[in-house]
Amino acid sequence: MQTTDTLQYKRYTCQVFYYNVKDCLTGRVVGVGEIPNVKGQTLAEIKAEFHRVVDEYLLACEKAGRKPAQAFTGKYSFRTSPAIHEALTMYAMGQKMLLSQVVQQALNEFIKKYDIEIPNREEN
């Protein structure tokens, strides 16, 4: 997903696609299935629709007294081979680190190597 293909609003991200069969734009909120997909003929229309569904979702959560879902919580589970899992665990133990610390270090190095921009949020 390229950042040029997304819209941001109130910490939610909408990935936008061009649907050539109906000659329209469609969008889906990344990581939050409770928010419906949006459609529009123009970028302005899909942006307005995205803002509307997010606002409606947040209002519905508030009225129900529940916390809204967030796509990016900082918790992410991934799969790897048993050999890599074992090797990284052994490395972590040898370094007196947690496996999660080793993975975070690797991710930080990847981000630096590929110059990936991190959103400017207070909790980063």
PDB file of N, CA and C in Angstrom:
ATOM      1  N   MET A   1       0.850  -1.171   0.000  1.00  0.00           N
ATOM      2  CA  MET A   1       0.000   0.000   0.000  1.00  0.00           C
ATOM      3  C   MET A   1       0.897   1.236   0.000  1.00  0.00           C
ATOM      4  N   GLN A   2       0.704   2.098  -0.945  1.00  0.00           N
ATOM      5  CA  GLN A   2       1.447   3.341  -1.005  1.00  0.00           C
ATOM      6  C   GLN A   2       0.682   4.424  -0.276  1.00  0.00           C
ATOM      7  N   THR A   3       1.419   5.345   0.331  1.00  0.00           N
ATOM      8  CA  THR A   3       0.744   6.409   1.060  1.00  0.00           C
ATOM      9  C   THR A   3      -0.098   7.264   0.124  1.00  0.00           C
ATOM     10  N   THR A   4       0.223   7.284  -1.164  1.00  0.00           N
ATOM     11  CA  THR A   4      -0.570   8.062  -2.111  1.00  0.00           C
ATOM     12  C   THR A   4      -1.941   7.446  -2.356  1.00  0.00           C
ATOM     13  N   ASP A   5      -2.133   6.214  -1.929  1.00  0.00           N
ATOM     14  CA  ASP A   5      -3.403   5.519  -2.124  1.00  0.00           C
ATOM     15  C   ASP A   5      -4.270   5.540  -0.876  1.00  0.00           C
ATOM     16  N   THR A   6      -3.932   6.379   0.095  1.00  0.00           N
ATOM     17  CA  THR A   6      -4.660   6.363   1.353  1.00  0.00           C
ATOM     18  C   THR A   6      -5.128   7.752   1.769  1.00  0.00           C
ATOM     19  N   LEU A   7      -6.160   7.734   2.601  1.00  0.00           N
ATOM     20  CA  LEU A   7      -6.656   8.943   3.257  1.00  0.00           C
ATOM     21  C   LEU A   7      -6.514   8.723   4.760  1.00  0.00           C
ATOM     22  N   GLN A   8      -6.245   9.782   5.497  1.00  0.00           N
ATOM     23  CA  GLN A   8      -6.114   9.705   6.953  1.00  0.00           C
ATOM     24  C   GLN A   8      -7.166  10.605   7.584  1.00  0.00           C
ATOM     25  N   TYR A   9      -7.784  10.106   8.656  1.00  0.00           N
ATOM     26  CA  TYR A   9      -8.755  10.914   9.385  1.00  0.00           C
ATOM     27  C   TYR A   9      -8.921  10.333  10.783  1.00  0.00           C
ATOM     28  N   LYS A  10      -8.707  11.149  11.791  1.00  0.00           N
ATOM     29  CA  LYS A  10      -8.886  10.753  13.195  1.00  0.00           C
ATOM     30  C   LYS A  10      -8.235   9.410  13.510  1.00  0.00           C
ATOM     31  N   ARG A  11      -6.996   9.242  13.116  1.00  0.00           N
ATOM     32  CA  ARG A  11      -6.202   8.031  13.363  1.00  0.00           C
ATOM     33  C   ARG A  11      -6.709   6.794  12.610  1.00  0.00           C
ATOM     34  N   TYR A  12      -7.547   6.992  11.614  1.00  0.00           N
ATOM     35  CA  TYR A  12      -8.009   5.893  10.773  1.00  0.00           C
ATOM     36  C   TYR A  12      -7.437   6.100   9.370  1.00  0.00           C
ATOM     37  N   THR A  13      -7.168   4.994   8.699  1.00  0.00           N
ATOM     38  CA  THR A  13      -6.601   5.025   7.359  1.00  0.00           C
ATOM     39  C   THR A  13      -7.562   4.337   6.403  1.00  0.00           C
ATOM     40  N   CYS A  14      -7.840   5.006   5.291  1.00  0.00           N
ATOM     41  CA  CYS A  14      -8.711   4.445   4.266  1.00  0.00           C
ATOM     42  C   CYS A  14      -7.877   4.194   3.017  1.00  0.00           C
ATOM     43  N   GLN A  15      -7.822   2.951   2.578  1.00  0.00           N
ATOM     44  CA  GLN A  15      -7.120   2.617   1.340  1.00  0.00           C
ATOM     45  C   GLN A  15      -8.106   2.786   0.193  1.00  0.00           C
ATOM     46  N   VAL A  16      -7.717   3.561  -0.803  1.00  0.00           N
ATOM     47  CA  VAL A  16      -8.600   3.921  -1.912  1.00  0.00           C
ATOM     48  C   VAL A  16      -8.189   3.164  -3.173  1.00  0.00           C
ATOM     49  N   PHE A  17      -9.186   2.655  -3.890  1.00  0.00           N
ATOM     50  CA  PHE A  17      -8.980   1.910  -5.133  1.00  0.00           C
ATOM     51  C   PHE A  17      -9.861   2.502  -6.226  1.00  0.00           C
ATOM     52  N   TYR A  18      -9.372   2.434  -7.443  1.00  0.00           N
ATOM     53  CA  TYR A  18     -10.211   2.791  -8.593  1.00  0.00           C
ATOM     54  C   TYR A  18     -10.851   1.512  -9.100  1.00  0.00           C
ATOM     55  N   TYR A  19     -12.177   1.507  -9.224  1.00  0.00           N
ATOM     56  CA  TYR A  19     -12.931   0.348  -9.685  1.00  0.00           C
ATOM     57  C   TYR A  19     -13.412   0.659 -11.095  1.00  0.00           C
ATOM     58  N   ASN A  20     -12.702   0.131 -12.108  1.00  0.00           N
ATOM     59  CA  ASN A  20     -12.971   0.524 -13.488  1.00  0.00           C
ATOM     60  C   ASN A  20     -14.296   0.008 -14.048  1.00  0.00           C
ATOM     61  N   VAL A  21     -14.841  -1.090 -13.518  1.00  0.00           N
ATOM     62  CA  VAL A  21     -16.099  -1.623 -14.028  1.00  0.00           C
ATOM     63  C   VAL A  21     -17.236  -0.625 -13.800  1.00  0.00           C
ATOM     64  N   LYS A  22     -17.239   0.006 -12.645  1.00  0.00           N
ATOM     65  CA  LYS A  22     -18.289   0.981 -12.327  1.00  0.00           C
ATOM     66  C   LYS A  22     -17.779   2.421 -12.417  1.00  0.00           C
ATOM     67  N   ASP A  23     -16.538   2.579 -12.829  1.00  0.00           N
ATOM     68  CA  ASP A  23     -15.920   3.900 -12.971  1.00  0.00           C
ATOM     69  C   ASP A  23     -16.106   4.751 -11.711  1.00  0.00           C
ATOM     70  N   CYS A  24     -15.675   4.170 -10.585  1.00  0.00           N
ATOM     71  CA  CYS A  24     -15.785   4.903  -9.328  1.00  0.00           C
ATOM     72  C   CYS A  24     -14.624   4.555  -8.415  1.00  0.00           C
ATOM     73  N   LEU A  25     -14.497   5.302  -7.365  1.00  0.00           N
ATOM     74  CA  LEU A  25     -13.497   5.029  -6.344  1.00  0.00           C
ATOM     75  C   LEU A  25     -14.158   4.278  -5.197  1.00  0.00           C
ATOM     76  N   THR A  26     -13.455   3.327  -4.638  1.00  0.00           N
ATOM     77  CA  THR A  26     -13.935   2.629  -3.456  1.00  0.00           C
ATOM     78  C   THR A  26     -12.836   2.713  -2.401  1.00  0.00           C
ATOM     79  N   GLY A  27     -13.238   2.621  -1.166  1.00  0.00           N
ATOM     80  CA  GLY A  27     -12.264   2.681  -0.094  1.00  0.00           C
ATOM     81  C   GLY A  27     -12.658   1.782   1.052  1.00  0.00           C
ATOM     82  N   ARG A  28     -11.637   1.278   1.741  1.00  0.00           N
ATOM     83  CA  ARG A  28     -11.889   0.464   2.927  1.00  0.00           C
ATOM     84  C   ARG A  28     -10.983   0.957   4.042  1.00  0.00           C
ATOM     85  N   VAL A  29     -11.534   0.986   5.241  1.00  0.00           N
ATOM     86  CA  VAL A  29     -10.756   1.398   6.400  1.00  0.00           C
ATOM     87  C   VAL A  29      -9.860   0.231   6.791  1.00  0.00           C
ATOM     88  N   VAL A  30      -8.582   0.483   6.869  1.00  0.00           N
ATOM     89  CA  VAL A  30      -7.588  -0.555   7.133  1.00  0.00           C
ATOM     90  C   VAL A  30      -7.669  -1.011   8.589  1.00  0.00           C
ATOM     91  N   GLY A  31      -7.868  -2.315   8.773  1.00  0.00           N
ATOM     92  CA  GLY A  31      -7.783  -2.913  10.091  1.00  0.00           C
ATOM     93  C   GLY A  31      -8.987  -2.769  11.001  1.00  0.00           C
ATOM     94  N   VAL A  32     -10.056  -2.142  10.539  1.00  0.00           N
ATOM     95  CA  VAL A  32     -11.254  -1.979  11.374  1.00  0.00           C
ATOM     96  C   VAL A  32     -12.466  -2.403  10.545  1.00  0.00           C
ATOM     97  N   GLY A  33     -12.850  -3.660  10.683  1.00  0.00           N
ATOM     98  CA  GLY A  33     -13.949  -4.203   9.894  1.00  0.00           C
ATOM     99  C   GLY A  33     -15.310  -3.642  10.255  1.00  0.00           C
ATOM    100  N   GLU A  34     -15.421  -2.988  11.401  1.00  0.00           N
ATOM    101  CA  GLU A  34     -16.709  -2.445  11.847  1.00  0.00           C
ATOM    102  C   GLU A  34     -17.110  -1.189  11.076  1.00  0.00           C
ATOM    103  N   ILE A  35     -16.161  -0.573  10.387  1.00  0.00           N
ATOM    104  CA  ILE A  35     -16.463   0.636   9.620  1.00  0.00           C
ATOM    105  C   ILE A  35     -16.701   0.211   8.167  1.00  0.00           C
ATOM    106  N   PRO A  36     -17.848   0.584   7.592  1.00  0.00           N
ATOM    107  CA  PRO A  36     -18.173   0.117   6.233  1.00  0.00           C
ATOM    108  C   PRO A  36     -17.271   0.719   5.158  1.00  0.00           C
ATOM    109  N   ASN A  37     -17.202   0.019   4.040  1.00  0.00           N
ATOM    110  CA  ASN A  37     -16.484   0.529   2.877  1.00  0.00           C
ATOM    111  C   ASN A  37     -17.199   1.764   2.342  1.00  0.00           C
ATOM    112  N   VAL A  38     -16.459   2.579   1.603  1.00  0.00           N
ATOM    113  CA  VAL A  38     -17.025   3.815   1.065  1.00  0.00           C
ATOM    114  C   VAL A  38     -16.859   3.847  -0.448  1.00  0.00           C
ATOM    115  N   LYS A  39     -17.712   4.645  -1.112  1.00  0.00           N
ATOM    116  CA  LYS A  39     -17.657   4.802  -2.566  1.00  0.00           C
ATOM    117  C   LYS A  39     -17.812   6.267  -2.912  1.00  0.00           C
ATOM    118  N   GLY A  40     -17.291   6.632  -4.067  1.00  0.00           N
ATOM    119  CA  GLY A  40     -17.451   7.994  -4.553  1.00  0.00           C
ATOM    120  C   GLY A  40     -16.977   8.113  -5.983  1.00  0.00           C
ATOM    121  N   GLN A  41     -17.460   9.117  -6.679  1.00  0.00           N
ATOM    122  CA  GLN A  41     -17.043   9.368  -8.063  1.00  0.00           C
ATOM    123  C   GLN A  41     -15.771  10.215  -8.120  1.00  0.00           C
ATOM    124  N   THR A  42     -15.556  11.013  -7.097  1.00  0.00           N
ATOM    125  CA  THR A  42     -14.390  11.898  -7.063  1.00  0.00           C
ATOM    126  C   THR A  42     -13.651  11.699  -5.748  1.00  0.00           C
ATOM    127  N   LEU A  43     -12.445  12.199  -5.695  1.00  0.00           N
ATOM    128  CA  LEU A  43     -11.672  12.127  -4.469  1.00  0.00           C
ATOM    129  C   LEU A  43     -12.372  12.896  -3.349  1.00  0.00           C
ATOM    130  N   ALA A  44     -12.944  14.049  -3.679  1.00  0.00           N
ATOM    131  CA  ALA A  44     -13.659  14.836  -2.670  1.00  0.00           C
ATOM    132  C   ALA A  44     -14.844  14.048  -2.108  1.00  0.00           C
ATOM    133  N   GLU A  45     -15.569  13.336  -2.962  1.00  0.00           N
ATOM    134  CA  GLU A  45     -16.722  12.549  -2.514  1.00  0.00           C
ATOM    135  C   GLU A  45     -16.294  11.405  -1.607  1.00  0.00           C
ATOM    136  N   ILE A  46     -15.249  10.677  -1.992  1.00  0.00           N
ATOM    137  CA  ILE A  46     -14.832   9.535  -1.180  1.00  0.00           C
ATOM    138  C   ILE A  46     -14.236  10.012   0.142  1.00  0.00           C
ATOM    139  N   LYS A  47     -13.568  11.156   0.120  1.00  0.00           N
ATOM    140  CA  LYS A  47     -13.022  11.719   1.359  1.00  0.00           C
ATOM    141  C   LYS A  47     -14.152  12.108   2.305  1.00  0.00           C
ATOM    142  N   ALA A  48     -15.177  12.779   1.792  1.00  0.00           N
ATOM    143  CA  ALA A  48     -16.325  13.174   2.618  1.00  0.00           C
ATOM    144  C   ALA A  48     -17.037  11.941   3.179  1.00  0.00           C
ATOM    145  N   GLU A  49     -17.193  10.913   2.367  1.00  0.00           N
ATOM    146  CA  GLU A  49     -17.855   9.677   2.794  1.00  0.00           C
ATOM    147  C   GLU A  49     -17.029   8.971   3.871  1.00  0.00           C
ATOM    148  N   PHE A  50     -15.717   8.933   3.701  1.00  0.00           N
ATOM    149  CA  PHE A  50     -14.813   8.346   4.694  1.00  0.00           C
ATOM    150  C   PHE A  50     -14.957   9.080   6.028  1.00  0.00           C
ATOM    151  N   HIS A  51     -14.928  10.397   6.007  1.00  0.00           N
ATOM    152  CA  HIS A  51     -15.086  11.183   7.228  1.00  0.00           C
ATOM    153  C   HIS A  51     -16.443  10.904   7.882  1.00  0.00           C
ATOM    154  N   ARG A  52     -17.488  10.805   7.057  1.00  0.00           N
ATOM    155  CA  ARG A  52     -18.832  10.562   7.577  1.00  0.00           C
ATOM    156  C   ARG A  52     -18.920   9.217   8.294  1.00  0.00           C
ATOM    157  N   VAL A  53     -18.417   8.144   7.674  1.00  0.00           N
ATOM    158  CA  VAL A  53     -18.545   6.818   8.300  1.00  0.00           C
ATOM    159  C   VAL A  53     -17.688   6.714   9.564  1.00  0.00           C
ATOM    160  N   VAL A  54     -16.535   7.361   9.575  1.00  0.00           N
ATOM    161  CA  VAL A  54     -15.709   7.352  10.791  1.00  0.00           C
ATOM    162  C   VAL A  54     -16.431   8.107  11.906  1.00  0.00           C
ATOM    163  N   ASP A  55     -16.962   9.286  11.598  1.00  0.00           N
ATOM    164  CA  ASP A  55     -17.690  10.066  12.608  1.00  0.00           C
ATOM    165  C   ASP A  55     -18.894   9.295  13.134  1.00  0.00           C
ATOM    166  N   GLU A  56     -19.638   8.636  12.252  1.00  0.00           N
ATOM    167  CA  GLU A  56     -20.794   7.838  12.675  1.00  0.00           C
ATOM    168  C   GLU A  56     -20.360   6.673  13.563  1.00  0.00           C
ATOM    169  N   TYR A  57     -19.269   6.022  13.196  1.00  0.00           N
ATOM    170  CA  TYR A  57     -18.751   4.906  13.988  1.00  0.00           C
ATOM    171  C   TYR A  57     -18.357   5.371  15.387  1.00  0.00           C
ATOM    172  N   LEU A  58     -17.637   6.477  15.462  1.00  0.00           N
ATOM    173  CA  LEU A  58     -17.204   7.000  16.762  1.00  0.00           C
ATOM    174  C   LEU A  58     -18.396   7.413  17.621  1.00  0.00           C
ATOM    175  N   LEU A  59     -19.401   8.014  17.007  1.00  0.00           N
ATOM    176  CA  LEU A  59     -20.605   8.403  17.732  1.00  0.00           C
ATOM    177  C   LEU A  59     -21.359   7.173  18.242  1.00  0.00           C
ATOM    178  N   ALA A  60     -21.471   6.150  17.412  1.00  0.00           N
ATOM    179  CA  ALA A  60     -22.149   4.916  17.821  1.00  0.00           C
ATOM    180  C   ALA A  60     -21.413   4.253  18.983  1.00  0.00           C
ATOM    181  N   CYS A  61     -20.104   4.265  18.950  1.00  0.00           N
ATOM    182  CA  CYS A  61     -19.317   3.699  20.054  1.00  0.00           C
ATOM    183  C   CYS A  61     -19.545   4.497  21.329  1.00  0.00           C
ATOM    184  N   GLU A  62     -19.554   5.799  21.203  1.00  0.00           N
ATOM    185  CA  GLU A  62     -19.772   6.670  22.364  1.00  0.00           C
ATOM    186  C   GLU A  62     -21.153   6.417  22.977  1.00  0.00           C
ATOM    187  N   LYS A  63     -22.167   6.328  22.127  1.00  0.00           N
ATOM    188  CA  LYS A  63     -23.531   6.077  22.618  1.00  0.00           C
ATOM    189  C   LYS A  63     -23.650   4.711  23.287  1.00  0.00           C
ATOM    190  N   ALA A  64     -22.902   3.722  22.760  1.00  0.00           N
ATOM    191  CA  ALA A  64     -22.944   2.370  23.324  1.00  0.00           C
ATOM    192  C   ALA A  64     -22.031   2.226  24.541  1.00  0.00           C
ATOM    193  N   GLY A  65     -21.233   3.246  24.807  1.00  0.00           N
ATOM    194  CA  GLY A  65     -20.329   3.204  25.946  1.00  0.00           C
ATOM    195  C   GLY A  65     -19.172   2.243  25.776  1.00  0.00           C
ATOM    196  N   ARG A  66     -18.729   2.079  24.534  1.00  0.00           N
ATOM    197  CA  ARG A  66     -17.592   1.178  24.302  1.00  0.00           C
ATOM    198  C   ARG A  66     -16.471   1.908  23.586  1.00  0.00           C
ATOM    199  N   LYS A  67     -15.293   1.379  23.759  1.00  0.00           N
ATOM    200  CA  LYS A  67     -14.104   1.977  23.178  1.00  0.00           C
ATOM    201  C   LYS A  67     -14.034   1.633  21.687  1.00  0.00           C
ATOM    202  N   PRO A  68     -13.802   2.624  20.821  1.00  0.00           N
ATOM    203  CA  PRO A  68     -13.692   2.341  19.387  1.00  0.00           C
ATOM    204  C   PRO A  68     -12.454   1.493  19.077  1.00  0.00           C
ATOM    205  N   ALA A  69     -12.571   0.643  18.088  1.00  0.00           N
ATOM    206  CA  ALA A  69     -11.435  -0.170  17.648  1.00  0.00           C
ATOM    207  C   ALA A  69     -10.409   0.723  16.960  1.00  0.00           C
ATOM    208  N   GLN A  70      -9.149   0.379  17.146  1.00  0.00           N
ATOM    209  CA  GLN A  70      -8.057   1.061  16.458  1.00  0.00           C
ATOM    210  C   GLN A  70      -7.283   0.012  15.667  1.00  0.00           C
ATOM    211  N   ALA A  71      -6.919   0.350  14.453  1.00  0.00           N
ATOM    212  CA  ALA A  71      -6.207  -0.603  13.603  1.00  0.00           C
ATOM    213  C   ALA A  71      -4.767  -0.802  14.054  1.00  0.00           C
ATOM    214  N   PHE A  72      -4.164   0.235  14.557  1.00  0.00           N
ATOM    215  CA  PHE A  72      -2.740   0.176  14.863  1.00  0.00           C
ATOM    216  C   PHE A  72      -2.540   0.314  16.363  1.00  0.00           C
ATOM    217  N   THR A  73      -2.524  -0.819  17.042  1.00  0.00           N
ATOM    218  CA  THR A  73      -2.425  -0.846  18.493  1.00  0.00           C
ATOM    219  C   THR A  73      -0.990  -1.020  18.978  1.00  0.00           C
ATOM    220  N   GLY A  74      -0.092  -1.386  18.084  1.00  0.00           N
ATOM    221  CA  GLY A  74       1.274  -1.694  18.503  1.00  0.00           C
ATOM    222  C   GLY A  74       1.458  -3.175  18.793  1.00  0.00           C
ATOM    223  N   LYS A  75       0.373  -3.923  18.766  1.00  0.00           N
ATOM    224  CA  LYS A  75       0.442  -5.368  18.969  1.00  0.00           C
ATOM    225  C   LYS A  75       0.253  -6.030  17.611  1.00  0.00           C
ATOM    226  N   TYR A  76       1.208  -6.869  17.251  1.00  0.00           N
ATOM    227  CA  TYR A  76       1.132  -7.533  15.961  1.00  0.00           C
ATOM    228  C   TYR A  76       1.735  -8.921  16.099  1.00  0.00           C
ATOM    229  N   SER A  77       1.028  -9.896  15.642  1.00  0.00           N
ATOM    230  CA  SER A  77       1.481 -11.272  15.704  1.00  0.00           C
ATOM    231  C   SER A  77       1.862 -11.714  14.293  1.00  0.00           C
ATOM    232  N   PHE A  78       2.984 -12.399  14.152  1.00  0.00           N
ATOM    233  CA  PHE A  78       3.361 -12.867  12.819  1.00  0.00           C
ATOM    234  C   PHE A  78       3.897 -14.285  12.890  1.00  0.00           C
ATOM    235  N   ARG A  79       3.948 -14.925  11.747  1.00  0.00           N
ATOM    236  CA  ARG A  79       4.418 -16.303  11.670  1.00  0.00           C
ATOM    237  C   ARG A  79       5.775 -16.352  10.971  1.00  0.00           C
ATOM    238  N   THR A  80       6.596 -17.281  11.424  1.00  0.00           N
ATOM    239  CA  THR A  80       7.885 -17.534  10.804  1.00  0.00           C
ATOM    240  C   THR A  80       8.154 -19.028  10.905  1.00  0.00           C
ATOM    241  N   SER A  81       9.270 -19.460  10.408  1.00  0.00           N
ATOM    242  CA  SER A  81       9.592 -20.884  10.492  1.00  0.00           C
ATOM    243  C   SER A  81      10.036 -21.226  11.908  1.00  0.00           C
ATOM    244  N   PRO A  82       9.847 -22.461  12.319  1.00  0.00           N
ATOM    245  CA  PRO A  82      10.330 -22.866  13.643  1.00  0.00           C
ATOM    246  C   PRO A  82      11.836 -22.634  13.817  1.00  0.00           C
ATOM    247  N   ALA A  83      12.609 -22.816  12.754  1.00  0.00           N
ATOM    248  CA  ALA A  83      14.064 -22.624  12.844  1.00  0.00           C
ATOM    249  C   ALA A  83      14.415 -21.161  13.137  1.00  0.00           C
ATOM    250  N   ILE A  84      13.743 -20.237  12.460  1.00  0.00           N
ATOM    251  CA  ILE A  84      13.998 -18.811  12.707  1.00  0.00           C
ATOM    252  C   ILE A  84      13.528 -18.445  14.111  1.00  0.00           C
ATOM    253  N   HIS A  85      12.380 -18.945  14.521  1.00  0.00           N
ATOM    254  CA  HIS A  85      11.863 -18.690  15.869  1.00  0.00           C
ATOM    255  C   HIS A  85      12.884 -19.146  16.915  1.00  0.00           C
ATOM    256  N   GLU A  86      13.399 -20.354  16.728  1.00  0.00           N
ATOM    257  CA  GLU A  86      14.386 -20.895  17.669  1.00  0.00           C
ATOM    258  C   GLU A  86      15.670 -20.078  17.652  1.00  0.00           C
ATOM    259  N   ALA A  87      16.169 -19.758  16.470  1.00  0.00           N
ATOM    260  CA  ALA A  87      17.426 -19.013  16.364  1.00  0.00           C
ATOM    261  C   ALA A  87      17.322 -17.641  17.024  1.00  0.00           C
ATOM    262  N   LEU A  88      16.223 -16.954  16.786  1.00  0.00           N
ATOM    263  CA  LEU A  88      16.048 -15.625  17.385  1.00  0.00           C
ATOM    264  C   LEU A  88      15.862 -15.714  18.902  1.00  0.00           C
ATOM    265  N   THR A  89      15.172 -16.743  19.361  1.00  0.00           N
ATOM    266  CA  THR A  89      15.010 -16.937  20.801  1.00  0.00           C
ATOM    267  C   THR A  89      16.355 -17.212  21.455  1.00  0.00           C
ATOM    268  N   MET A  90      17.173 -18.053  20.837  1.00  0.00           N
ATOM    269  CA  MET A  90      18.504 -18.356  21.367  1.00  0.00           C
ATOM    270  C   MET A  90      19.374 -17.098  21.390  1.00  0.00           C
ATOM    271  N   TYR A  91      19.293 -16.315  20.329  1.00  0.00           N
ATOM    272  CA  TYR A  91      20.040 -15.061  20.269  1.00  0.00           C
ATOM    273  C   TYR A  91      19.590 -14.127  21.399  1.00  0.00           C
ATOM    274  N   ALA A  92      18.287 -13.995  21.568  1.00  0.00           N
ATOM    275  CA  ALA A  92      17.738 -13.122  22.611  1.00  0.00           C
ATOM    276  C   ALA A  92      18.220 -13.568  23.989  1.00  0.00           C
ATOM    277  N   MET A  93      18.172 -14.851  24.249  1.00  0.00           N
ATOM    278  CA  MET A  93      18.628 -15.364  25.540  1.00  0.00           C
ATOM    279  C   MET A  93      20.107 -15.049  25.761  1.00  0.00           C
ATOM    280  N   GLY A  94      20.910 -15.226  24.725  1.00  0.00           N
ATOM    281  CA  GLY A  94      22.345 -14.941  24.812  1.00  0.00           C
ATOM    282  C   GLY A  94      22.634 -13.467  25.071  1.00  0.00           C
ATOM    283  N   GLN A  95      21.742 -12.609  24.619  1.00  0.00           N
ATOM    284  CA  GLN A  95      21.896 -11.162  24.795  1.00  0.00           C
ATOM    285  C   GLN A  95      21.172 -10.661  26.051  1.00  0.00           C
ATOM    286  N   LYS A  96      20.543 -11.601  26.799  1.00  0.00           N
ATOM    287  CA  LYS A  96      19.725 -11.258  27.965  1.00  0.00           C
ATOM    288  C   LYS A  96      18.627 -10.254  27.588  1.00  0.00           C
ATOM    289  N   MET A  97      17.975 -10.583  26.469  1.00  0.00           N
ATOM    290  CA  MET A  97      16.884  -9.770  25.951  1.00  0.00           C
ATOM    291  C   MET A  97      15.646 -10.644  25.817  1.00  0.00           C
ATOM    292  N   LEU A  98      14.513 -10.008  25.630  1.00  0.00           N
ATOM    293  CA  LEU A  98      13.297 -10.719  25.277  1.00  0.00           C
ATOM    294  C   LEU A  98      13.233 -10.860  23.763  1.00  0.00           C
ATOM    295  N   LEU A  99      12.565 -11.896  23.293  1.00  0.00           N
ATOM    296  CA  LEU A  99      12.392 -12.075  21.857  1.00  0.00           C
ATOM    297  C   LEU A  99      11.731 -10.834  21.248  1.00  0.00           C
ATOM    298  N   SER A 100      10.759 -10.266  21.931  1.00  0.00           N
ATOM    299  CA  SER A 100      10.086  -9.071  21.408  1.00  0.00           C
ATOM    300  C   SER A 100      11.057  -7.904  21.237  1.00  0.00           C
ATOM    301  N   GLN A 101      12.073  -7.810  22.098  1.00  0.00           N
ATOM    302  CA  GLN A 101      13.070  -6.754  21.975  1.00  0.00           C
ATOM    303  C   GLN A 101      13.940  -6.973  20.735  1.00  0.00           C
ATOM    304  N   VAL A 102      14.277  -8.213  20.465  1.00  0.00           N
ATOM    305  CA  VAL A 102      15.068  -8.536  19.275  1.00  0.00           C
ATOM    306  C   VAL A 102      14.276  -8.183  18.019  1.00  0.00           C
ATOM    307  N   VAL A 103      13.006  -8.539  17.995  1.00  0.00           N
ATOM    308  CA  VAL A 103      12.156  -8.244  16.844  1.00  0.00           C
ATOM    309  C   VAL A 103      12.013  -6.732  16.675  1.00  0.00           C
ATOM    310  N   GLN A 104      11.800  -6.006  17.765  1.00  0.00           N
ATOM    311  CA  GLN A 104      11.686  -4.543  17.687  1.00  0.00           C
ATOM    312  C   GLN A 104      12.979  -3.932  17.144  1.00  0.00           C
ATOM    313  N   GLN A 105      14.115  -4.441  17.591  1.00  0.00           N
ATOM    314  CA  GLN A 105      15.413  -3.951  17.099  1.00  0.00           C
ATOM    315  C   GLN A 105      15.533  -4.201  15.595  1.00  0.00           C
ATOM    316  N   ALA A 106      15.142  -5.385  15.152  1.00  0.00           N
ATOM    317  CA  ALA A 106      15.201  -5.712  13.724  1.00  0.00           C
ATOM    318  C   ALA A 106      14.278  -4.799  12.920  1.00  0.00           C
ATOM    319  N   LEU A 107      13.089  -4.561  13.446  1.00  0.00           N
ATOM    320  CA  LEU A 107      12.151  -3.666  12.757  1.00  0.00           C
ATOM    321  C   LEU A 107      12.704  -2.248  12.678  1.00  0.00           C
ATOM    322  N   ASN A 108      13.295  -1.761  13.755  1.00  0.00           N
ATOM    323  CA  ASN A 108      13.888  -0.424  13.751  1.00  0.00           C
ATOM    324  C   ASN A 108      14.997  -0.313  12.702  1.00  0.00           C
ATOM    325  N   GLU A 109      15.817  -1.349  12.579  1.00  0.00           N
ATOM    326  CA  GLU A 109      16.883  -1.347  11.577  1.00  0.00           C
ATOM    327  C   GLU A 109      16.307  -1.367  10.157  1.00  0.00           C
ATOM    328  N   PHE A 110      15.249  -2.137   9.947  1.00  0.00           N
ATOM    329  CA  PHE A 110      14.580  -2.183   8.649  1.00  0.00           C
ATOM    330  C   PHE A 110      14.019  -0.814   8.286  1.00  0.00           C
ATOM    331  N   ILE A 111      13.348  -0.183   9.254  1.00  0.00           N
ATOM    332  CA  ILE A 111      12.769   1.148   9.042  1.00  0.00           C
ATOM    333  C   ILE A 111      13.852   2.151   8.665  1.00  0.00           C
ATOM    334  N   LYS A 112      14.963   2.099   9.360  1.00  0.00           N
ATOM    335  CA  LYS A 112      16.077   3.015   9.079  1.00  0.00           C
ATOM    336  C   LYS A 112      16.676   2.736   7.697  1.00  0.00           C
ATOM    337  N   LYS A 113      16.900   1.458   7.383  1.00  0.00           N
ATOM    338  CA  LYS A 113      17.505   1.085   6.108  1.00  0.00           C
ATOM    339  C   LYS A 113      16.673   1.543   4.917  1.00  0.00           C
ATOM    340  N   TYR A 114      15.355   1.402   5.011  1.00  0.00           N
ATOM    341  CA  TYR A 114      14.472   1.732   3.896  1.00  0.00           C
ATOM    342  C   TYR A 114      13.822   3.111   4.039  1.00  0.00           C
ATOM    343  N   ASP A 115      14.286   3.888   5.015  1.00  0.00           N
ATOM    344  CA  ASP A 115      13.835   5.269   5.212  1.00  0.00           C
ATOM    345  C   ASP A 115      12.300   5.358   5.230  1.00  0.00           C
ATOM    346  N   ILE A 116      11.701   4.501   6.047  1.00  0.00           N
ATOM    347  CA  ILE A 116      10.243   4.467   6.168  1.00  0.00           C
ATOM    348  C   ILE A 116       9.810   5.563   7.134  1.00  0.00           C
ATOM    349  N   GLU A 117       8.867   6.388   6.699  1.00  0.00           N
ATOM    350  CA  GLU A 117       8.384   7.479   7.530  1.00  0.00           C
ATOM    351  C   GLU A 117       7.417   6.956   8.580  1.00  0.00           C
ATOM    352  N   ILE A 118       7.633   7.352   9.815  1.00  0.00           N
ATOM    353  CA  ILE A 118       6.779   6.965  10.925  1.00  0.00           C
ATOM    354  C   ILE A 118       5.825   8.122  11.216  1.00  0.00           C
ATOM    355  N   PRO A 119       4.514   7.862  11.352  1.00  0.00           N
ATOM    356  CA  PRO A 119       3.579   8.953  11.656  1.00  0.00           C
ATOM    357  C   PRO A 119       3.994   9.670  12.938  1.00  0.00           C
ATOM    358  N   ASN A 120       3.796  10.957  12.972  1.00  0.00           N
ATOM    359  CA  ASN A 120       4.146  11.767  14.128  1.00  0.00           C
ATOM    360  C   ASN A 120       3.021  11.696  15.139  1.00  0.00           C
ATOM    361  N   ARG A 121       3.069  10.688  15.993  1.00  0.00           N
ATOM    362  CA  ARG A 121       2.061  10.503  17.026  1.00  0.00           C
ATOM    363  C   ARG A 121       2.741  10.502  18.375  1.00  0.00           C
ATOM    364  N   GLU A 122       2.041  10.949  19.389  1.00  0.00           N
ATOM    365  CA  GLU A 122       2.601  11.078  20.727  1.00  0.00           C
ATOM    366  C   GLU A 122       3.127   9.761  21.282  1.00  0.00           C
ATOM    367  N   GLU A 123       2.470   8.639  20.962  1.00  0.00           N
ATOM    368  CA  GLU A 123       2.846   7.376  21.573  1.00  0.00           C
ATOM    369  C   GLU A 123       3.988   6.650  20.876  1.00  0.00           C
ATOM    370  N   ASN A 124       4.570   7.221  19.809  1.00  0.00           N
ATOM    371  CA  ASN A 124       5.696   6.574  19.125  1.00  0.00           C
ATOM    372  C   ASN A 124       6.950   6.688  19.945  1.00  0.00           C
TER     373      ASN A 124
END
